[in-house]
Each structure stands twice: as structure tokens, then as C-alpha cells.
Amino acid sequence: MFMLIKQLTFGQISIRQALLAISHFLSLRRMLSGDDFNWSSYHLHYKQEILSISKRNNLVLEQGDFSINGGKLRLLKQNSILPSHHVLYESIAILKASSLLEIGCGGGDHLKNLSTIFPTKKVRGIDISKEQIDFALERHPALAGSVSVMDISRDIPPQSLQSDLVFSHTVLMHISEKGGRFDRALQNMFIRASNAVVLVENWQQHDFFNAVKKVCASSEKWSKAQIYFHESSAFPEARAMIIAFECHAPEAKSYELFLQGGKLRTH
């Protein structure tokens, strides 16, 4: 609630967004799951968030908006993308992957941008909300056939969704540890990843470092992987966690690389 008041005070969200967030917080479904949102109505909050962010940042990239060389993404437009988006795209750039699966694809902007940056890569996405999938197709009709409804905290993606790289962007941080939901979501990501998993999250929300180590230790395949971190070349404060068998990025020896002095919370 403190963060909500702070965002409202500094004009980062509208009064409508604040009221929607409060209604999500007080919903019975959210309370039972322990998640940060009531996912059945989250799309209403999400659409307002997209509208607000798009006034300050470029959410959809087109050819001519960027250049990429040696794994570094250079932005050519003044209306810059968000730091967390930048570090996500760079992390994917330094990994060898022909297919990508996004967990919690929301409005589909990442899938569209990745298709623009890496036109030869196959992109797919899943989201817990049908309304979010409908919104993604409304924003990006070309994603038809590439996005579907699925609860990663409950359902293991089918074999057809096996991908070289599976990633999430600010999604797992909203899933509660209650009833093992967060652990199942993380484990299901690794089940469908062939070579790498990339996480861009609020590192204070869960102990991602030890959670990832636990998942890897329980898998014969992933026990051979390492945890790496990638720092955005444009926004040093933005950092991604990369779990891979080989990666040209520094190995993460401790979680402090991600927390950067922040306090660890669980929920």
C-alpha cells in the first residue's frame, strides 16, 4: 500500500489505476491464492498501466528504433524503453536460442519486440488470463497461433511448447509461495526449457537465487547448469538472472549481485 501511495504521489499511476489496484488487493480470490493480483480482473489494471507507461517510454520497437551488435542493444529513439526490457532483450541476445517461450506474456509486447530484434527466432507465449491473451492479439494480430492460456503455477506446458529458452519478465514476483505455487511455476519453466532460463524480476520479492539452485539440484539435466547475471549496457541498475549451461556473462556467486543492498521479502 505504501508503494501504491508513493506511485500516486509522483504521478506514476492514475487515480483509476490506484482504485483498480485496491480492488485487486481486497478481492477474495487474491486473498485465497496469496498472489499480488486477482488474475481474473488483472487485465483492467494492466491496460491502464500500459497506457500510462506508453506516455513516457517506447513499449513497441520497430526497425530503425535500435541497433544490436555484440550482444549490446543500442536505442536510437529518444523515447527510451524501460530498463528491465533492455536487460531482457540483451540477455536473450547473448544466448544461442532459436525458439523462445514467454511465461506471462500479457499484452504481447515482448514477443513482438523479440520478433523484430531477432526475426529468425520462433516466439511463443502463455498467460493465465484469457483477457490478457485477447489483449495481446488486439495489440499484435501477428501473434495469432503463438499465444495461449495457461497457469504456469499449476499446469506443465505441453511438449509442443518445449523451447530453447524460457523467460519471464516481472511475473514470478507476483506469484505467492503459498501452497507451493511459486516453486511449481519456476519448476515448470525449467521443464520446458532446453538450454536456458532467463528471469527479470523484482529480486527482493522472492529468494530467486536459492529457489533456482533448488530446482537445478533436483534435476539431473539442470544440475550441470550455472547461474549468471547480466547487467544492462544502458541501465546498470537493471539485472537479469540467466541459468544456462554456457553463457558469456559473469557467474553469479551470491544473491547480493541482484539485491544490491535491497531487503529480501517473501509472500
C-alpha atoms as a PDB file:
ATOM      1  CA  MET A   1       0.000   0.000   0.000  1.00  0.00           C
ATOM      2  CA  PHE A   2       2.911   2.350   0.747  1.00  0.00           C
ATOM      3  CA  MET A   3       4.279   1.770  -2.770  1.00  0.00           C
ATOM      4  CA  LEU A   4       0.841   2.496  -4.222  1.00  0.00           C
ATOM      5  CA  ILE A   5       0.634   5.827  -2.388  1.00  0.00           C
ATOM      6  CA  LYS A   6       4.179   6.698  -3.497  1.00  0.00           C
ATOM      7  CA  GLN A   7       3.383   5.936  -7.166  1.00  0.00           C
ATOM      8  CA  LEU A   8       0.197   8.014  -6.985  1.00  0.00           C
ATOM      9  CA  THR A   9       2.019  10.942  -5.333  1.00  0.00           C
ATOM     10  CA  PHE A  10       4.707  11.065  -8.010  1.00  0.00           C
ATOM     11  CA  GLY A  11       2.213  10.688 -10.854  1.00  0.00           C
ATOM     12  CA  GLN A  12       3.468   7.264 -11.859  1.00  0.00           C
ATOM     13  CA  ILE A  13      -0.071   5.885 -11.811  1.00  0.00           C
ATOM     14  CA  SER A  14      -3.528   7.440 -12.190  1.00  0.00           C
ATOM     15  CA  ILE A  15      -6.294   7.533  -9.584  1.00  0.00           C
ATOM     16  CA  ARG A  16      -8.138   4.928 -11.687  1.00  0.00           C
ATOM     17  CA  GLN A  17      -5.111   2.626 -11.561  1.00  0.00           C
ATOM     18  CA  ALA A  18      -4.866   3.074  -7.804  1.00  0.00           C
ATOM     19  CA  LEU A  19      -8.545   2.208  -7.309  1.00  0.00           C
ATOM     20  CA  LEU A  20      -8.178  -0.872  -9.511  1.00  0.00           C
ATOM     21  CA  ALA A  21      -5.112  -1.967  -7.560  1.00  0.00           C
ATOM     22  CA  ILE A  22      -7.000  -1.612  -4.275  1.00  0.00           C
ATOM     23  CA  SER A  23      -9.922  -3.660  -5.624  1.00  0.00           C
ATOM     24  CA  HIS A  24      -7.452  -6.379  -6.692  1.00  0.00           C
ATOM     25  CA  PHE A  25      -5.835  -6.345  -3.262  1.00  0.00           C
ATOM     26  CA  LEU A  26      -9.146  -6.718  -1.424  1.00  0.00           C
ATOM     27  CA  SER A  27     -10.603  -9.435  -3.689  1.00  0.00           C
ATOM     28  CA  LEU A  28     -11.363 -12.816  -2.107  1.00  0.00           C
ATOM     29  CA  ARG A  29      -9.698 -14.705  -4.965  1.00  0.00           C
ATOM     30  CA  ARG A  30      -6.440 -12.823  -4.487  1.00  0.00           C
ATOM     31  CA  MET A  31      -6.523 -13.412  -0.748  1.00  0.00           C
ATOM     32  CA  LEU A  32      -7.052 -17.154  -1.198  1.00  0.00           C
ATOM     33  CA  SER A  33      -4.207 -17.527  -3.685  1.00  0.00           C
ATOM     34  CA  GLY A  34      -1.863 -15.128  -1.901  1.00  0.00           C
ATOM     35  CA  ASP A  35      -0.828 -13.619  -5.239  1.00  0.00           C
ATOM     36  CA  ASP A  36      -0.404  -9.889  -5.678  1.00  0.00           C
ATOM     37  CA  PHE A  37      -3.400  -9.688  -8.032  1.00  0.00           C
ATOM     38  CA  ASN A  38      -6.771 -11.187  -8.779  1.00  0.00           C
ATOM     39  CA  TRP A  39      -5.850 -12.535 -12.204  1.00  0.00           C
ATOM     40  CA  SER A  40      -9.463 -12.740 -13.419  1.00  0.00           C
ATOM     41  CA  SER A  41      -9.661  -8.942 -13.451  1.00  0.00           C
ATOM     42  CA  TYR A  42      -5.974  -8.019 -13.707  1.00  0.00           C
ATOM     43  CA  HIS A  43      -6.356  -7.122 -17.403  1.00  0.00           C
ATOM     44  CA  LEU A  44      -8.265  -3.976 -16.381  1.00  0.00           C
ATOM     45  CA  HIS A  45      -5.331  -2.764 -14.272  1.00  0.00           C
ATOM     46  CA  TYR A  46      -2.840  -3.897 -16.917  1.00  0.00           C
ATOM     47  CA  LYS A  47      -4.448  -1.896 -19.733  1.00  0.00           C
ATOM     48  CA  GLN A  48      -4.286   1.261 -17.636  1.00  0.00           C
ATOM     49  CA  GLU A  49      -0.654   0.515 -16.773  1.00  0.00           C
ATOM     50  CA  ILE A  50       0.236   0.081 -20.452  1.00  0.00           C
ATOM     51  CA  LEU A  51      -1.466   3.372 -21.282  1.00  0.00           C
ATOM     52  CA  SER A  52       0.420   5.190 -18.526  1.00  0.00           C
ATOM     53  CA  ILE A  53       3.842   3.732 -19.358  1.00  0.00           C
ATOM     54  CA  SER A  54       3.474   4.359 -23.101  1.00  0.00           C
ATOM     55  CA  LYS A  55       3.281   8.096 -22.411  1.00  0.00           C
ATOM     56  CA  ARG A  56       6.852   8.037 -21.117  1.00  0.00           C
ATOM     57  CA  ASN A  57       8.519   5.013 -22.699  1.00  0.00           C
ATOM     58  CA  ASN A  58       8.519   3.202 -26.010  1.00  0.00           C
ATOM     59  CA  LEU A  59       6.889  -0.202 -25.472  1.00  0.00           C
ATOM     60  CA  VAL A  60       6.897  -1.441 -29.066  1.00  0.00           C
ATOM     61  CA  LEU A  61      10.080  -1.465 -31.142  1.00  0.00           C
ATOM     62  CA  GLU A  62      10.195  -1.134 -34.900  1.00  0.00           C
ATOM     63  CA  GLN A  63      13.090  -1.448 -37.316  1.00  0.00           C
ATOM     64  CA  GLY A  64      15.096   1.766 -37.069  1.00  0.00           C
ATOM     65  CA  ASP A  65      14.420   2.172 -33.353  1.00  0.00           C
ATOM     66  CA  PHE A  66      17.522   0.224 -32.342  1.00  0.00           C
ATOM     67  CA  SER A  67      20.748  -1.446 -33.372  1.00  0.00           C
ATOM     68  CA  ILE A  68      22.274  -4.565 -31.877  1.00  0.00           C
ATOM     69  CA  ASN A  69      25.899  -5.566 -32.060  1.00  0.00           C
ATOM     70  CA  GLY A  70      27.949  -7.971 -29.961  1.00  0.00           C
ATOM     71  CA  GLY A  71      25.013  -8.620 -27.661  1.00  0.00           C
ATOM     72  CA  LYS A  72      24.570  -4.907 -26.871  1.00  0.00           C
ATOM     73  CA  LEU A  73      21.289  -3.194 -27.678  1.00  0.00           C
ATOM     74  CA  ARG A  74      21.608   0.472 -28.629  1.00  0.00           C
ATOM     75  CA  LEU A  75      18.474   2.602 -28.661  1.00  0.00           C
ATOM     76  CA  LEU A  76      18.159   5.102 -31.491  1.00  0.00           C
ATOM     77  CA  LYS A  77      14.924   6.791 -30.407  1.00  0.00           C
ATOM     78  CA  GLN A  78      14.729   9.440 -27.725  1.00  0.00           C
ATOM     79  CA  ASN A  79      11.685   7.839 -26.046  1.00  0.00           C
ATOM     80  CA  SER A  80      13.666   5.010 -24.471  1.00  0.00           C
ATOM     81  CA  ILE A  81      12.394   1.577 -23.497  1.00  0.00           C
ATOM     82  CA  LEU A  82      12.230   0.543 -19.846  1.00  0.00           C
ATOM     83  CA  PRO A  83      15.494  -0.650 -18.230  1.00  0.00           C
ATOM     84  CA  SER A  84      14.003  -4.064 -17.425  1.00  0.00           C
ATOM     85  CA  HIS A  85      13.020  -4.502 -21.075  1.00  0.00           C
ATOM     86  CA  HIS A  86      16.517  -3.547 -22.211  1.00  0.00           C
ATOM     87  CA  VAL A  87      18.256  -6.072 -19.962  1.00  0.00           C
ATOM     88  CA  LEU A  88      15.819  -8.800 -21.003  1.00  0.00           C
ATOM     89  CA  TYR A  89      16.474  -8.314 -24.714  1.00  0.00           C
ATOM     90  CA  GLU A  90      20.241  -8.117 -24.222  1.00  0.00           C
ATOM     91  CA  SER A  91      20.221 -11.299 -22.120  1.00  0.00           C
ATOM     92  CA  ILE A  92      18.441 -13.150 -24.898  1.00  0.00           C
ATOM     93  CA  ALA A  93      20.896 -11.671 -27.416  1.00  0.00           C
ATOM     94  CA  ILE A  94      23.930 -13.208 -25.701  1.00  0.00           C
ATOM     95  CA  LEU A  95      22.359 -16.681 -25.628  1.00  0.00           C
ATOM     96  CA  LYS A  96      22.079 -19.061 -28.549  1.00  0.00           C
ATOM     97  CA  ALA A  97      18.392 -19.902 -28.875  1.00  0.00           C
ATOM     98  CA  SER A  98      16.247 -20.485 -31.941  1.00  0.00           C
ATOM     99  CA  SER A  99      12.968 -20.621 -30.006  1.00  0.00           C
ATOM    100  CA  LEU A 100      11.643 -18.536 -27.100  1.00  0.00           C
ATOM    101  CA  LEU A 101       8.744 -19.110 -24.689  1.00  0.00           C
ATOM    102  CA  GLU A 102       7.477 -16.263 -22.514  1.00  0.00           C
ATOM    103  CA  ILE A 103       5.731 -17.029 -19.240  1.00  0.00           C
ATOM    104  CA  GLY A 104       3.076 -14.380 -18.579  1.00  0.00           C
ATOM    105  CA  CYS A 105       3.127 -12.723 -21.993  1.00  0.00           C
ATOM    106  CA  GLY A 106       0.498 -10.105 -21.103  1.00  0.00           C
ATOM    107  CA  GLY A 107      -0.075  -7.678 -23.981  1.00  0.00           C
ATOM    108  CA  GLY A 108       2.483  -9.457 -26.175  1.00  0.00           C
ATOM    109  CA  ASP A 109       4.914  -6.547 -26.477  1.00  0.00           C
ATOM    110  CA  HIS A 110       7.980  -8.622 -25.600  1.00  0.00           C
ATOM    111  CA  LEU A 111       7.058 -11.284 -28.138  1.00  0.00           C
ATOM    112  CA  LYS A 112       6.553  -8.643 -30.800  1.00  0.00           C
ATOM    113  CA  ASN A 113       9.795  -6.838 -29.945  1.00  0.00           C
ATOM    114  CA  LEU A 114      11.801 -10.048 -29.873  1.00  0.00           C
ATOM    115  CA  SER A 115      10.390 -10.972 -33.282  1.00  0.00           C
ATOM    116  CA  THR A 116      11.568  -7.583 -34.542  1.00  0.00           C
ATOM    117  CA  ILE A 117      15.034  -7.787 -32.971  1.00  0.00           C
ATOM    118  CA  PHE A 118      15.544 -11.483 -33.783  1.00  0.00           C
ATOM    119  CA  PRO A 119      13.385 -12.234 -36.848  1.00  0.00           C
ATOM    120  CA  THR A 120      14.683 -15.807 -37.213  1.00  0.00           C
ATOM    121  CA  LYS A 121      13.689 -16.871 -33.683  1.00  0.00           C
ATOM    122  CA  LYS A 122      10.357 -18.601 -33.083  1.00  0.00           C
ATOM    123  CA  VAL A 123       8.422 -16.879 -30.275  1.00  0.00           C
ATOM    124  CA  ARG A 124       5.525 -18.193 -28.216  1.00  0.00           C
ATOM    125  CA  GLY A 125       3.811 -17.103 -25.030  1.00  0.00           C
ATOM    126  CA  ILE A 126       1.374 -18.220 -22.356  1.00  0.00           C
ATOM    127  CA  ASP A 127      -0.661 -16.254 -19.828  1.00  0.00           C
ATOM    128  CA  ILE A 128      -3.033 -17.196 -17.012  1.00  0.00           C
ATOM    129  CA  SER A 129      -5.701 -14.793 -18.297  1.00  0.00           C
ATOM    130  CA  LYS A 130      -7.788 -15.210 -21.457  1.00  0.00           C
ATOM    131  CA  GLU A 131      -8.433 -11.482 -21.372  1.00  0.00           C
ATOM    132  CA  GLN A 132      -4.691 -10.847 -21.454  1.00  0.00           C
ATOM    133  CA  ILE A 133      -4.300 -13.151 -24.454  1.00  0.00           C
ATOM    134  CA  ASP A 134      -7.168 -11.335 -26.195  1.00  0.00           C
ATOM    135  CA  PHE A 135      -5.419  -8.035 -25.440  1.00  0.00           C
ATOM    136  CA  ALA A 136      -2.150  -9.364 -26.878  1.00  0.00           C
ATOM    137  CA  LEU A 137      -3.898 -10.340 -30.103  1.00  0.00           C
ATOM    138  CA  GLU A 138      -5.618  -6.965 -30.225  1.00  0.00           C
ATOM    139  CA  ARG A 139      -2.247  -5.189 -29.945  1.00  0.00           C
ATOM    140  CA  HIS A 140      -0.342  -7.614 -32.160  1.00  0.00           C
ATOM    141  CA  PRO A 141      -2.558  -9.673 -34.511  1.00  0.00           C
ATOM    142  CA  ALA A 142       0.536 -11.380 -35.955  1.00  0.00           C
ATOM    143  CA  LEU A 143       0.827 -13.353 -32.679  1.00  0.00           C
ATOM    144  CA  ALA A 144      -2.263 -15.408 -33.566  1.00  0.00           C
ATOM    145  CA  GLY A 145      -1.407 -19.082 -33.042  1.00  0.00           C
ATOM    146  CA  SER A 146       1.622 -18.216 -30.918  1.00  0.00           C
ATOM    147  CA  VAL A 147      -0.082 -17.369 -27.609  1.00  0.00           C
ATOM    148  CA  SER A 148      -2.344 -19.429 -25.359  1.00  0.00           C
ATOM    149  CA  VAL A 149      -3.974 -19.509 -21.915  1.00  0.00           C
ATOM    150  CA  MET A 150      -2.147 -21.492 -19.235  1.00  0.00           C
ATOM    151  CA  ASP A 151      -1.439 -21.266 -15.491  1.00  0.00           C
ATOM    152  CA  ILE A 152       2.292 -21.900 -15.100  1.00  0.00           C
ATOM    153  CA  SER A 153       1.865 -22.359 -11.339  1.00  0.00           C
ATOM    154  CA  ARG A 154      -0.445 -25.311 -11.962  1.00  0.00           C
ATOM    155  CA  ASP A 155      -0.131 -26.667 -15.497  1.00  0.00           C
ATOM    156  CA  ILE A 156       3.064 -28.022 -17.040  1.00  0.00           C
ATOM    157  CA  PRO A 157       3.249 -26.596 -20.577  1.00  0.00           C
ATOM    158  CA  PRO A 158       2.706 -29.345 -23.179  1.00  0.00           C
ATOM    159  CA  GLN A 159       5.611 -30.914 -25.042  1.00  0.00           C
ATOM    160  CA  SER A 160       4.742 -28.757 -28.046  1.00  0.00           C
ATOM    161  CA  LEU A 161       5.891 -25.728 -26.034  1.00  0.00           C
ATOM    162  CA  GLN A 162       9.413 -27.052 -25.490  1.00  0.00           C
ATOM    163  CA  SER A 163      11.739 -24.138 -26.266  1.00  0.00           C
ATOM    164  CA  ASP A 164      15.440 -23.442 -26.324  1.00  0.00           C
ATOM    165  CA  LEU A 165      14.917 -20.554 -23.929  1.00  0.00           C
ATOM    166  CA  VAL A 166      12.095 -19.873 -21.463  1.00  0.00           C
ATOM    167  CA  PHE A 167      11.813 -16.447 -19.833  1.00  0.00           C
ATOM    168  CA  SER A 168       9.671 -14.316 -17.541  1.00  0.00           C
ATOM    169  CA  HIS A 169       9.553 -10.567 -17.099  1.00  0.00           C
ATOM    170  CA  THR A 170       8.090  -9.281 -13.792  1.00  0.00           C
ATOM    171  CA  VAL A 171       5.711 -12.244 -13.479  1.00  0.00           C
ATOM    172  CA  LEU A 172       7.006 -14.733 -10.905  1.00  0.00           C
ATOM    173  CA  MET A 173       7.477 -11.898  -8.448  1.00  0.00           C
ATOM    174  CA  HIS A 174       3.670 -11.624  -8.219  1.00  0.00           C
ATOM    175  CA  ILE A 175       3.074 -15.339  -7.572  1.00  0.00           C
ATOM    176  CA  SER A 176       2.727 -16.362  -3.936  1.00  0.00           C
ATOM    177  CA  GLU A 177       4.789 -19.032  -2.252  1.00  0.00           C
ATOM    178  CA  LYS A 178       1.528 -20.157  -0.623  1.00  0.00           C
ATOM    179  CA  GLY A 179       0.672 -23.760  -1.469  1.00  0.00           C
ATOM    180  CA  GLY A 180       3.942 -24.151  -3.396  1.00  0.00           C
ATOM    181  CA  ARG A 181       2.658 -22.078  -6.325  1.00  0.00           C
ATOM    182  CA  PHE A 182       5.848 -20.086  -6.846  1.00  0.00           C
ATOM    183  CA  ASP A 183       8.010 -23.226  -6.688  1.00  0.00           C
ATOM    184  CA  ARG A 184       5.801 -25.057  -9.219  1.00  0.00           C
ATOM    185  CA  ALA A 185       5.844 -22.104 -11.593  1.00  0.00           C
ATOM    186  CA  LEU A 186       9.638 -21.964 -11.527  1.00  0.00           C
ATOM    187  CA  GLN A 187       9.982 -25.723 -11.892  1.00  0.00           C
ATOM    188  CA  ASN A 188       7.587 -25.797 -14.859  1.00  0.00           C
ATOM    189  CA  MET A 189       9.703 -23.200 -16.626  1.00  0.00           C
ATOM    190  CA  PHE A 190      12.748 -25.446 -16.378  1.00  0.00           C
ATOM    191  CA  ILE A 191      10.770 -28.477 -17.547  1.00  0.00           C
ATOM    192  CA  ARG A 192      10.085 -26.763 -20.881  1.00  0.00           C
ATOM    193  CA  ALA A 193      13.490 -25.101 -21.327  1.00  0.00           C
ATOM    194  CA  SER A 194      16.085 -26.966 -23.385  1.00  0.00           C
ATOM    195  CA  ASN A 195      19.097 -24.726 -22.908  1.00  0.00           C
ATOM    196  CA  ALA A 196      18.402 -21.609 -20.837  1.00  0.00           C
ATOM    197  CA  VAL A 197      16.038 -19.792 -18.493  1.00  0.00           C
ATOM    198  CA  VAL A 198      16.079 -16.010 -18.161  1.00  0.00           C
ATOM    199  CA  LEU A 199      14.409 -14.172 -15.269  1.00  0.00           C
ATOM    200  CA  VAL A 200      13.881 -10.419 -14.966  1.00  0.00           C
ATOM    201  CA  GLU A 201      12.024  -9.896 -11.709  1.00  0.00           C
ATOM    202  CA  ASN A 202      11.854  -7.850  -8.532  1.00  0.00           C
ATOM    203  CA  TRP A 203      14.742  -9.617  -6.818  1.00  0.00           C
ATOM    204  CA  GLN A 204      13.545  -8.610  -3.372  1.00  0.00           C
ATOM    205  CA  GLN A 205      10.177 -10.355  -3.696  1.00  0.00           C
ATOM    206  CA  HIS A 206      11.426 -13.975  -3.508  1.00  0.00           C
ATOM    207  CA  ASP A 207      14.739 -15.664  -2.834  1.00  0.00           C
ATOM    208  CA  PHE A 208      15.149 -16.438  -6.526  1.00  0.00           C
ATOM    209  CA  PHE A 209      18.783 -17.445  -6.126  1.00  0.00           C
ATOM    210  CA  ASN A 210      18.173 -20.330  -3.723  1.00  0.00           C
ATOM    211  CA  ALA A 211      14.888 -21.262  -5.399  1.00  0.00           C
ATOM    212  CA  VAL A 212      16.695 -21.690  -8.732  1.00  0.00           C
ATOM    213  CA  LYS A 213      19.506 -23.658  -7.097  1.00  0.00           C
ATOM    214  CA  LYS A 214      16.912 -25.973  -5.531  1.00  0.00           C
ATOM    215  CA  VAL A 215      15.193 -26.619  -8.877  1.00  0.00           C
ATOM    216  CA  CYS A 216      18.508 -27.261 -10.621  1.00  0.00           C
ATOM    217  CA  ALA A 217      19.723 -29.611  -7.870  1.00  0.00           C
ATOM    218  CA  SER A 218      16.569 -31.724  -8.250  1.00  0.00           C
ATOM    219  CA  SER A 219      17.141 -32.206 -11.996  1.00  0.00           C
ATOM    220  CA  GLU A 220      19.878 -34.377 -13.452  1.00  0.00           C
ATOM    221  CA  LYS A 221      19.955 -32.185 -16.537  1.00  0.00           C
ATOM    222  CA  TRP A 222      19.897 -28.763 -14.861  1.00  0.00           C
ATOM    223  CA  SER A 223      22.317 -29.734 -12.096  1.00  0.00           C
ATOM    224  CA  LYS A 224      25.020 -29.110 -14.705  1.00  0.00           C
ATOM    225  CA  ALA A 225      23.885 -25.525 -15.340  1.00  0.00           C
ATOM    226  CA  GLN A 226      25.264 -22.340 -13.810  1.00  0.00           C
ATOM    227  CA  ILE A 227      23.613 -19.129 -12.632  1.00  0.00           C
ATOM    228  CA  TYR A 228      24.841 -15.987 -14.383  1.00  0.00           C
ATOM    229  CA  PHE A 229      23.883 -12.330 -14.190  1.00  0.00           C
ATOM    230  CA  HIS A 230      23.699  -9.796 -16.987  1.00  0.00           C
ATOM    231  CA  GLU A 231      23.803  -6.079 -16.363  1.00  0.00           C
ATOM    232  CA  SER A 232      22.174  -3.861 -18.978  1.00  0.00           C
ATOM    233  CA  SER A 233      24.728  -1.936 -21.038  1.00  0.00           C
ATOM    234  CA  ALA A 234      22.453   1.134 -20.969  1.00  0.00           C
ATOM    235  CA  PHE A 235      20.910   0.860 -17.491  1.00  0.00           C
ATOM    236  CA  PRO A 236      23.398  -0.625 -14.955  1.00  0.00           C
ATOM    237  CA  GLU A 237      20.693  -0.892 -12.295  1.00  0.00           C
ATOM    238  CA  ALA A 238      18.781  -3.439 -14.412  1.00  0.00           C
ATOM    239  CA  ARG A 239      19.990  -7.021 -13.992  1.00  0.00           C
ATOM    240  CA  ALA A 240      18.799 -10.336 -15.350  1.00  0.00           C
ATOM    241  CA  MET A 241      19.356 -13.825 -13.962  1.00  0.00           C
ATOM    242  CA  ILE A 242      20.451 -16.316 -16.590  1.00  0.00           C
ATOM    243  CA  ILE A 243      20.513 -20.036 -15.935  1.00  0.00           C
ATOM    244  CA  ALA A 244      22.379 -21.841 -18.702  1.00  0.00           C
ATOM    245  CA  PHE A 245      24.974 -24.492 -19.437  1.00  0.00           C
ATOM    246  CA  GLU A 246      27.209 -21.947 -21.167  1.00  0.00           C
ATOM    247  CA  CYS A 247      26.978 -18.166 -21.210  1.00  0.00           C
ATOM    248  CA  HIS A 248      29.276 -15.238 -21.929  1.00  0.00           C
ATOM    249  CA  ALA A 249      28.234 -13.396 -18.771  1.00  0.00           C
ATOM    250  CA  PRO A 250      29.657 -13.242 -15.234  1.00  0.00           C
ATOM    251  CA  GLU A 251      28.748 -16.130 -12.964  1.00  0.00           C
ATOM    252  CA  ALA A 252      26.553 -15.153 -10.020  1.00  0.00           C
ATOM    253  CA  LYS A 253      28.384 -16.189  -6.862  1.00  0.00           C
ATOM    254  CA  SER A 254      25.839 -14.680  -4.480  1.00  0.00           C
ATOM    255  CA  TYR A 255      22.372 -13.144  -4.480  1.00  0.00           C
ATOM    256  CA  GLU A 256      23.767  -9.767  -3.433  1.00  0.00           C
ATOM    257  CA  LEU A 257      24.594  -9.116  -7.103  1.00  0.00           C
ATOM    258  CA  PHE A 258      20.857  -8.898  -7.701  1.00  0.00           C
ATOM    259  CA  LEU A 259      19.661  -7.476  -4.389  1.00  0.00           C
ATOM    260  CA  GLN A 260      22.255  -4.674  -4.455  1.00  0.00           C
ATOM    261  CA  GLY A 261      21.628  -3.959  -0.795  1.00  0.00           C
ATOM    262  CA  GLY A 262      17.859  -4.372  -1.015  1.00  0.00           C
ATOM    263  CA  LYS A 263      15.910  -6.211   1.679  1.00  0.00           C
ATOM    264  CA  LEU A 264      14.685  -9.713   0.809  1.00  0.00           C
ATOM    265  CA  ARG A 265      10.938 -10.275   1.238  1.00  0.00           C
ATOM    266  CA  THR A 266       8.737 -13.346   0.807  1.00  0.00           C
ATOM    267  CA  HIS A 267       4.978 -13.702   0.390  1.00  0.00           C
END
